[in-house]
Amino acid sequence: GGGLVQAGGSLKLSCAASGHTFSSYAMGWFRQA
């Protein structure tokens, strides 16, 4: 869902999980410039 957008715009990121019971995990988003 990432990409290039102008200031004031919107994006929606998705993160698909596999391999274990998803509901057992708290989830976070981080960023690094």
Full PDB file with SEQRES, HELIX, SHEET, SSBOND, CRYST1, ORIGX, SCALE, CONECT and MASTER records, all heavy atoms in Angstrom:
SEQRES   1 A   33  GLY GLY GLY LEU VAL GLN ALA GLY GLY SER LEU LYS LEU          
SEQRES   2 A   33  SER CYS ALA ALA SER GLY HIS THR PHE SER SER TYR ALA          
SEQRES   3 A   33  MET GLY TRP PHE ARG GLN ALA                                  
HELIX    1 AA1 PHE A   22  SER A   24  5                                   3    
CRYST1    1.000    1.000    1.000  90.00  90.00  90.00 P 1           1          
ORIGX1      1.000000  0.000000  0.000000        0.00000                         
ORIGX2      0.000000  1.000000  0.000000        0.00000                         
ORIGX3      0.000000  0.000000  1.000000        0.00000                         
SCALE1      1.000000  0.000000  0.000000        0.00000                         
SCALE2      0.000000  1.000000  0.000000        0.00000                         
SCALE3      0.000000  0.000000  1.000000        0.00000                         
ATOM      1  N   GLY A   1       0.779  -1.224   0.000  1.00  0.00           N  
ATOM      2  CA  GLY A   1       0.000   0.000   0.000  1.00  0.00           C  
ATOM      3  C   GLY A   1       0.815   1.280   0.000  1.00  0.00           C  
ATOM      4  O   GLY A   1       0.246   2.372  -0.075  1.00  0.00           O  
ATOM      5  N   GLY A   2       2.125   1.162   0.100  1.00  0.00           N  
ATOM      6  CA  GLY A   2       2.949   2.368   0.071  1.00  0.00           C  
ATOM      7  C   GLY A   2       2.980   2.988  -1.312  1.00  0.00           C  
ATOM      8  O   GLY A   2       2.488   2.417  -2.287  1.00  0.00           O  
ATOM      9  N   GLY A   3       3.566   4.182  -1.397  1.00  0.00           N  
ATOM     10  CA  GLY A   3       3.664   4.847  -2.677  1.00  0.00           C  
ATOM     11  C   GLY A   3       3.999   6.306  -2.524  1.00  0.00           C  
ATOM     12  O   GLY A   3       4.410   6.758  -1.454  1.00  0.00           O  
ATOM     13  N   LEU A   4       3.810   7.037  -3.625  1.00  0.00           N  
ATOM     14  CA  LEU A   4       4.080   8.466  -3.667  1.00  0.00           C  
ATOM     15  C   LEU A   4       2.762   9.224  -3.636  1.00  0.00           C  
ATOM     16  O   LEU A   4       1.848   8.914  -4.415  1.00  0.00           O  
ATOM     17  CB  LEU A   4       4.849   8.806  -4.940  1.00  0.00           C  
ATOM     18  CG  LEU A   4       5.104  10.291  -5.234  1.00  0.00           C  
ATOM     19  CD1 LEU A   4       5.987  10.910  -4.160  1.00  0.00           C  
ATOM     20  CD2 LEU A   4       5.727  10.453  -6.618  1.00  0.00           C  
ATOM     21  N   VAL A   5       2.669  10.200  -2.755  1.00  0.00           N  
ATOM     22  CA  VAL A   5       1.438  10.978  -2.622  1.00  0.00           C  
ATOM     23  C   VAL A   5       1.803  12.425  -2.328  1.00  0.00           C  
ATOM     24  O   VAL A   5       2.855  12.696  -1.741  1.00  0.00           O  
ATOM     25  CB  VAL A   5       0.535  10.382  -1.511  1.00  0.00           C  
ATOM     26  CG1 VAL A   5       1.205  10.483  -0.144  1.00  0.00           C  
ATOM     27  CG2 VAL A   5      -0.834  11.021  -1.503  1.00  0.00           C  
ATOM     28  N   GLN A   6       0.945  13.342  -2.737  1.00  0.00           N  
ATOM     29  CA  GLN A   6       1.172  14.748  -2.440  1.00  0.00           C  
ATOM     30  C   GLN A   6       0.777  15.058  -0.998  1.00  0.00           C  
ATOM     31  O   GLN A   6      -0.076  14.368  -0.414  1.00  0.00           O  
ATOM     32  CB  GLN A   6       0.375  15.621  -3.396  1.00  0.00           C  
ATOM     33  CG  GLN A   6       0.913  15.633  -4.822  1.00  0.00           C  
ATOM     34  CD  GLN A   6       0.212  16.655  -5.693  1.00  0.00           C  
ATOM     35  OE1 GLN A   6      -0.943  16.988  -5.461  1.00  0.00           O  
ATOM     36  NE2 GLN A   6       0.915  17.155  -6.693  1.00  0.00           N  
ATOM     37  N   ALA A   7       1.370  16.089  -0.464  1.00  0.00           N  
ATOM     38  CA  ALA A   7       1.023  16.540   0.884  1.00  0.00           C  
ATOM     39  C   ALA A   7      -0.481  16.808   0.963  1.00  0.00           C  
ATOM     40  O   ALA A   7      -1.073  17.374   0.037  1.00  0.00           O  
ATOM     41  CB  ALA A   7       1.802  17.794   1.242  1.00  0.00           C  
ATOM     42  N   GLY A   8      -1.078  16.360   2.052  1.00  0.00           N  
ATOM     43  CA  GLY A   8      -2.518  16.473   2.231  1.00  0.00           C  
ATOM     44  C   GLY A   8      -3.293  15.262   1.757  1.00  0.00           C  
ATOM     45  O   GLY A   8      -4.491  15.145   2.030  1.00  0.00           O  
ATOM     46  N   GLY A   9      -2.625  14.384   1.046  1.00  0.00           N  
ATOM     47  CA  GLY A   9      -3.270  13.185   0.529  1.00  0.00           C  
ATOM     48  C   GLY A   9      -3.356  12.066   1.545  1.00  0.00           C  
ATOM     49  O   GLY A   9      -2.981  12.230   2.719  1.00  0.00           O  
ATOM     50  N   SER A  10      -3.830  10.921   1.060  1.00  0.00           N  
ATOM     51  CA  SER A  10      -4.049   9.765   1.938  1.00  0.00           C  
ATOM     52  C   SER A  10      -3.476   8.501   1.316  1.00  0.00           C  
ATOM     53  O   SER A  10      -3.384   8.381   0.090  1.00  0.00           O  
ATOM     54  CB  SER A  10      -5.555   9.549   2.174  1.00  0.00           C  
ATOM     55  OG  SER A  10      -6.140  10.651   2.812  1.00  0.00           O  
ATOM     56  N   LEU A  11      -3.107   7.582   2.178  1.00  0.00           N  
ATOM     57  CA  LEU A  11      -2.710   6.239   1.788  1.00  0.00           C  
ATOM     58  C   LEU A  11      -3.211   5.277   2.852  1.00  0.00           C  
ATOM     59  O   LEU A  11      -3.331   5.650   4.026  1.00  0.00           O  
ATOM     60  CB  LEU A  11      -1.185   6.102   1.680  1.00  0.00           C  
ATOM     61  CG  LEU A  11      -0.471   6.658   0.455  1.00  0.00           C  
ATOM     62  CD1 LEU A  11       1.041   6.527   0.645  1.00  0.00           C  
ATOM     63  CD2 LEU A  11      -0.906   5.948  -0.806  1.00  0.00           C  
ATOM     64  N   LYS A  12      -3.465   4.032   2.429  1.00  0.00           N  
ATOM     65  CA  LYS A  12      -3.824   2.996   3.385  1.00  0.00           C  
ATOM     66  C   LYS A  12      -2.848   1.838   3.237  1.00  0.00           C  
ATOM     67  O   LYS A  12      -2.767   1.218   2.175  1.00  0.00           O  
ATOM     68  CB  LYS A  12      -5.255   2.506   3.167  1.00  0.00           C  
ATOM     69  CG  LYS A  12      -5.713   1.527   4.234  1.00  0.00           C  
ATOM     70  CD  LYS A  12      -7.183   1.183   4.083  1.00  0.00           C  
ATOM     71  CE  LYS A  12      -7.674   0.286   5.209  1.00  0.00           C  
ATOM     72  NZ  LYS A  12      -9.131  -0.010   5.102  1.00  0.00           N  
ATOM     73  N   LEU A  13      -2.113   1.578   4.294  1.00  0.00           N  
ATOM     74  CA  LEU A  13      -1.181   0.460   4.323  1.00  0.00           C  
ATOM     75  C   LEU A  13      -1.882  -0.780   4.864  1.00  0.00           C  
ATOM     76  O   LEU A  13      -2.738  -0.684   5.750  1.00  0.00           O  
ATOM     77  CB  LEU A  13       0.029   0.786   5.199  1.00  0.00           C  
ATOM     78  CG  LEU A  13       0.802   2.063   4.865  1.00  0.00           C  
ATOM     79  CD1 LEU A  13       2.013   2.183   5.783  1.00  0.00           C  
ATOM     80  CD2 LEU A  13       1.206   2.105   3.412  1.00  0.00           C  
ATOM     81  N   SER A  14      -1.479  -1.919   4.327  1.00  0.00           N  
ATOM     82  CA  SER A  14      -1.976  -3.198   4.822  1.00  0.00           C  
ATOM     83  C   SER A  14      -0.788  -4.069   5.209  1.00  0.00           C  
ATOM     84  O   SER A  14       0.298  -3.955   4.624  1.00  0.00           O  
ATOM     85  CB  SER A  14      -2.794  -3.919   3.751  1.00  0.00           C  
ATOM     86  OG  SER A  14      -3.919  -3.163   3.370  1.00  0.00           O  
ATOM     87  N   CYS A  15      -1.019  -4.937   6.165  1.00  0.00           N  
ATOM     88  CA  CYS A  15       0.008  -5.895   6.578  1.00  0.00           C  
ATOM     89  C   CYS A  15      -0.684  -7.238   6.768  1.00  0.00           C  
ATOM     90  O   CYS A  15      -1.487  -7.406   7.690  1.00  0.00           O  
ATOM     91  CB  CYS A  15       0.675  -5.437   7.862  1.00  0.00           C  
ATOM     92  SG  CYS A  15       1.839  -6.638   8.559  1.00  0.00           S  
ATOM     93  N   ALA A  16      -0.371  -8.170   5.888  1.00  0.00           N  
ATOM     94  CA  ALA A  16      -0.968  -9.503   5.937  1.00  0.00           C  
ATOM     95  C   ALA A  16      -0.050 -10.439   6.707  1.00  0.00           C  
ATOM     96  O   ALA A  16       1.156 -10.504   6.442  1.00  0.00           O  
ATOM     97  CB  ALA A  16      -1.192 -10.022   4.531  1.00  0.00           C  
ATOM     98  N   ALA A  17      -0.629 -11.167   7.644  1.00  0.00           N  
ATOM     99  CA  ALA A  17       0.140 -12.081   8.489  1.00  0.00           C  
ATOM    100  C   ALA A  17      -0.202 -13.526   8.170  1.00  0.00           C  
ATOM    101  O   ALA A  17      -1.344 -13.848   7.828  1.00  0.00           O  
ATOM    102  CB  ALA A  17      -0.155 -11.797   9.957  1.00  0.00           C  
ATOM    103  N   SER A  18       0.784 -14.380   8.305  1.00  0.00           N  
ATOM    104  CA  SER A  18       0.559 -15.805   8.112  1.00  0.00           C  
ATOM    105  C   SER A  18       1.497 -16.583   9.013  1.00  0.00           C  
ATOM    106  O   SER A  18       2.515 -16.062   9.478  1.00  0.00           O  
ATOM    107  CB  SER A  18       0.805 -16.214   6.657  1.00  0.00           C  
ATOM    108  OG  SER A  18       2.138 -15.955   6.286  1.00  0.00           O  
ATOM    109  N   GLY A  19       1.143 -17.821   9.307  1.00  0.00           N  
ATOM    110  CA  GLY A  19       2.044 -18.698  10.026  1.00  0.00           C  
ATOM    111  C   GLY A  19       1.687 -18.966  11.464  1.00  0.00           C  
ATOM    112  O   GLY A  19       2.233 -19.865  12.067  1.00  0.00           O  
ATOM    113  N   HIS A  20       0.798 -18.196  12.057  1.00  0.00           N  
ATOM    114  CA  HIS A  20       0.440 -18.423  13.445  1.00  0.00           C  
ATOM    115  C   HIS A  20      -0.895 -17.745  13.706  1.00  0.00           C  
ATOM    116  O   HIS A  20      -1.422 -17.055  12.842  1.00  0.00           O  
ATOM    117  CB  HIS A  20       1.524 -17.849  14.381  1.00  0.00           C  
ATOM    118  CG  HIS A  20       1.586 -18.528  15.710  1.00  0.00           C  
ATOM    119  ND1 HIS A  20       0.827 -18.137  16.792  1.00  0.00           N  
ATOM    120  CD2 HIS A  20       2.331 -19.563  16.147  1.00  0.00           C  
ATOM    121  CE1 HIS A  20       1.098 -18.905  17.824  1.00  0.00           C  
ATOM    122  NE2 HIS A  20       2.002 -19.780  17.463  1.00  0.00           N  
ATOM    123  N   THR A  21      -1.443 -17.957  14.869  1.00  0.00           N  
ATOM    124  CA  THR A  21      -2.736 -17.377  15.207  1.00  0.00           C  
ATOM    125  C   THR A  21      -2.606 -15.864  15.333  1.00  0.00           C  
ATOM    126  O   THR A  21      -2.012 -15.350  16.283  1.00  0.00           O  
ATOM    127  CB  THR A  21      -3.266 -17.958  16.519  1.00  0.00           C  
ATOM    128  OG1 THR A  21      -3.303 -19.380  16.412  1.00  0.00           O  
ATOM    129  CG2 THR A  21      -4.656 -17.436  16.804  1.00  0.00           C  
ATOM    130  N   PHE A  22      -3.176 -15.158  14.373  1.00  0.00           N  
ATOM    131  CA  PHE A  22      -3.021 -13.710  14.302  1.00  0.00           C  
ATOM    132  C   PHE A  22      -3.550 -13.032  15.558  1.00  0.00           C  
ATOM    133  O   PHE A  22      -2.967 -12.056  16.035  1.00  0.00           O  
ATOM    134  CB  PHE A  22      -3.758 -13.207  13.061  1.00  0.00           C  
ATOM    135  CG  PHE A  22      -3.661 -11.739  12.828  1.00  0.00           C  
ATOM    136  CD1 PHE A  22      -2.451 -11.145  12.527  1.00  0.00           C  
ATOM    137  CD2 PHE A  22      -4.794 -10.929  12.898  1.00  0.00           C  
ATOM    138  CE1 PHE A  22      -2.348  -9.780  12.301  1.00  0.00           C  
ATOM    139  CE2 PHE A  22      -4.716  -9.573  12.678  1.00  0.00           C  
ATOM    140  CZ  PHE A  22      -3.489  -8.994  12.369  1.00  0.00           C  
ATOM    141  N   SER A  23      -4.626 -13.548  16.106  1.00  0.00           N  
ATOM    142  CA  SER A  23      -5.247 -12.898  17.263  1.00  0.00           C  
ATOM    143  C   SER A  23      -4.422 -13.036  18.537  1.00  0.00           C  
ATOM    144  O   SER A  23      -4.773 -12.448  19.556  1.00  0.00           O  
ATOM    145  CB  SER A  23      -6.648 -13.457  17.497  1.00  0.00           C  
ATOM    146  OG  SER A  23      -6.590 -14.854  17.714  1.00  0.00           O  
ATOM    147  N   SER A  24      -3.327 -13.788  18.496  1.00  0.00           N  
ATOM    148  CA  SER A  24      -2.428 -13.912  19.647  1.00  0.00           C  
ATOM    149  C   SER A  24      -1.429 -12.766  19.722  1.00  0.00           C  
ATOM    150  O   SER A  24      -0.655 -12.677  20.684  1.00  0.00           O  
ATOM    151  CB  SER A  24      -1.646 -15.231  19.580  1.00  0.00           C  
ATOM    152  OG  SER A  24      -2.503 -16.345  19.632  1.00  0.00           O  
ATOM    153  N   TYR A  25      -1.453 -11.888  18.731  1.00  0.00           N  
ATOM    154  CA  TYR A  25      -0.432 -10.855  18.622  1.00  0.00           C  
ATOM    155  C   TYR A  25      -1.034  -9.466  18.687  1.00  0.00           C  
ATOM    156  O   TYR A  25      -2.014  -9.164  17.977  1.00  0.00           O  
ATOM    157  CB  TYR A  25       0.320 -10.990  17.297  1.00  0.00           C  
ATOM    158  CG  TYR A  25       1.157 -12.240  17.217  1.00  0.00           C  
ATOM    159  CD1 TYR A  25       0.591 -13.443  16.824  1.00  0.00           C  
ATOM    160  CD2 TYR A  25       2.500 -12.215  17.549  1.00  0.00           C  
ATOM    161  CE1 TYR A  25       1.351 -14.600  16.769  1.00  0.00           C  
ATOM    162  CE2 TYR A  25       3.268 -13.358  17.487  1.00  0.00           C  
ATOM    163  CZ  TYR A  25       2.684 -14.549  17.097  1.00  0.00           C  
ATOM    164  OH  TYR A  25       3.447 -15.679  17.037  1.00  0.00           O  
ATOM    165  N   ALA A  26      -0.417  -8.621  19.508  1.00  0.00           N  
ATOM    166  CA  ALA A  26      -0.626  -7.194  19.351  1.00  0.00           C  
ATOM    167  C   ALA A  26       0.174  -6.771  18.126  1.00  0.00           C  
ATOM    168  O   ALA A  26       1.224  -7.356  17.828  1.00  0.00           O  
ATOM    169  CB  ALA A  26      -0.156  -6.440  20.587  1.00  0.00           C  
ATOM    170  N   MET A  27      -0.316  -5.778  17.416  1.00  0.00           N  
ATOM    171  CA  MET A  27       0.331  -5.362  16.163  1.00  0.00           C  
ATOM    172  C   MET A  27       0.727  -3.891  16.228  1.00  0.00           C  
ATOM    173  O   MET A  27       0.010  -3.064  16.811  1.00  0.00           O  
ATOM    174  CB  MET A  27      -0.607  -5.587  14.982  1.00  0.00           C  
ATOM    175  CG  MET A  27      -1.030  -7.032  14.785  1.00  0.00           C  
ATOM    176  SD  MET A  27       0.365  -8.125  14.419  1.00  0.00           S  
ATOM    177  CE  MET A  27       0.903  -7.471  12.826  1.00  0.00           C  
ATOM    178  N   GLY A  28       1.843  -3.590  15.600  1.00  0.00           N  
ATOM    179  CA  GLY A  28       2.305  -2.209  15.591  1.00  0.00           C  
ATOM    180  C   GLY A  28       2.792  -1.791  14.224  1.00  0.00           C  
ATOM    181  O   GLY A  28       3.136  -2.630  13.378  1.00  0.00           O  
ATOM    182  N   TRP A  29       2.776  -0.484  14.013  1.00  0.00           N  
ATOM    183  CA  TRP A  29       3.395   0.123  12.833  1.00  0.00           C  
ATOM    184  C   TRP A  29       4.525   1.040  13.312  1.00  0.00           C  
ATOM    185  O   TRP A  29       4.351   1.811  14.268  1.00  0.00           O  
ATOM    186  CB  TRP A  29       2.379   0.942  12.036  1.00  0.00           C  
ATOM    187  CG  TRP A  29       1.417   0.130  11.233  1.00  0.00           C  
ATOM    188  CD1 TRP A  29       0.149  -0.229  11.596  1.00  0.00           C  
ATOM    189  CD2 TRP A  29       1.624  -0.417   9.932  1.00  0.00           C  
ATOM    190  NE1 TRP A  29      -0.429  -0.964  10.596  1.00  0.00           N  
ATOM    191  CE2 TRP A  29       0.448  -1.100   9.564  1.00  0.00           C  
ATOM    192  CE3 TRP A  29       2.694  -0.399   9.035  1.00  0.00           C  
ATOM    193  CZ2 TRP A  29       0.304  -1.751   8.338  1.00  0.00           C  
ATOM    194  CZ3 TRP A  29       2.551  -1.057   7.821  1.00  0.00           C  
ATOM    195  CH2 TRP A  29       1.374  -1.717   7.475  1.00  0.00           C  
ATOM    196  N   PHE A  30       5.647   0.928  12.627  1.00  0.00           N  
ATOM    197  CA  PHE A  30       6.800   1.772  12.886  1.00  0.00           C  
ATOM    198  C   PHE A  30       7.249   2.371  11.565  1.00  0.00           C  
ATOM    199  O   PHE A  30       6.830   1.917  10.487  1.00  0.00           O  
ATOM    200  CB  PHE A  30       7.944   0.945  13.496  1.00  0.00           C  
ATOM    201  CG  PHE A  30       7.659   0.431  14.874  1.00  0.00           C  
ATOM    202  CD1 PHE A  30       6.842  -0.678  15.075  1.00  0.00           C  
ATOM    203  CD2 PHE A  30       8.189   1.056  15.985  1.00  0.00           C  
ATOM    204  CE1 PHE A  30       6.558  -1.149  16.348  1.00  0.00           C  
ATOM    205  CE2 PHE A  30       7.921   0.586  17.268  1.00  0.00           C  
ATOM    206  CZ  PHE A  30       7.112  -0.512  17.441  1.00  0.00           C  
ATOM    207  N   ARG A  31       8.104   3.377  11.636  1.00  0.00           N  
ATOM    208  CA  ARG A  31       8.651   3.949  10.409  1.00  0.00           C  
ATOM    209  C   ARG A  31      10.096   4.363  10.640  1.00  0.00           C  
ATOM    210  O   ARG A  31      10.509   4.620  11.766  1.00  0.00           O  
ATOM    211  CB  ARG A  31       7.819   5.132   9.937  1.00  0.00           C  
ATOM    212  CG  ARG A  31       7.842   6.345  10.856  1.00  0.00           C  
ATOM    213  CD  ARG A  31       6.825   7.385  10.372  1.00  0.00           C  
ATOM    214  NE  ARG A  31       6.831   8.585  11.207  1.00  0.00           N  
ATOM    215  CZ  ARG A  31       5.958   9.580  11.074  1.00  0.00           C  
ATOM    216  NH1 ARG A  31       5.001   9.517  10.139  1.00  0.00           N  
ATOM    217  NH2 ARG A  31       6.041  10.637  11.862  1.00  0.00           N  
ATOM    218  N   GLN A  32      10.822   4.406   9.532  1.00  0.00           N  
ATOM    219  CA  GLN A  32      12.223   4.804   9.595  1.00  0.00           C  
ATOM    220  C   GLN A  32      12.556   5.653   8.377  1.00  0.00           C  
ATOM    221  O   GLN A  32      12.442   5.184   7.242  1.00  0.00           O  
ATOM    222  CB  GLN A  32      13.131   3.584   9.657  1.00  0.00           C  
ATOM    223  CG  GLN A  32      14.581   3.927   9.924  1.00  0.00           C  
ATOM    224  CD  GLN A  32      15.397   2.715  10.322  1.00  0.00           C  
ATOM    225  OE1 GLN A  32      14.991   1.566  10.131  1.00  0.00           O  
ATOM    226  NE2 GLN A  32      16.555   2.954  10.920  1.00  0.00           N  
ATOM    227  N   ALA A  33      12.945   6.885   8.651  1.00  0.00           N  
ATOM    228  CA  ALA A  33      13.374   7.804   7.601  1.00  0.00           C  
ATOM    229  C   ALA A  33      14.887   7.694   7.441  1.00  0.00           C  
ATOM    230  O   ALA A  33      15.583   7.277   8.374  1.00  0.00           O  
ATOM    231  CB  ALA A  33      12.965   9.220   7.959  1.00  0.00           C  
TER     232      ALA A  33                                                      
MASTER        0    0    0    1    0    0    0    6  231    1    0    3          
END                                                                             
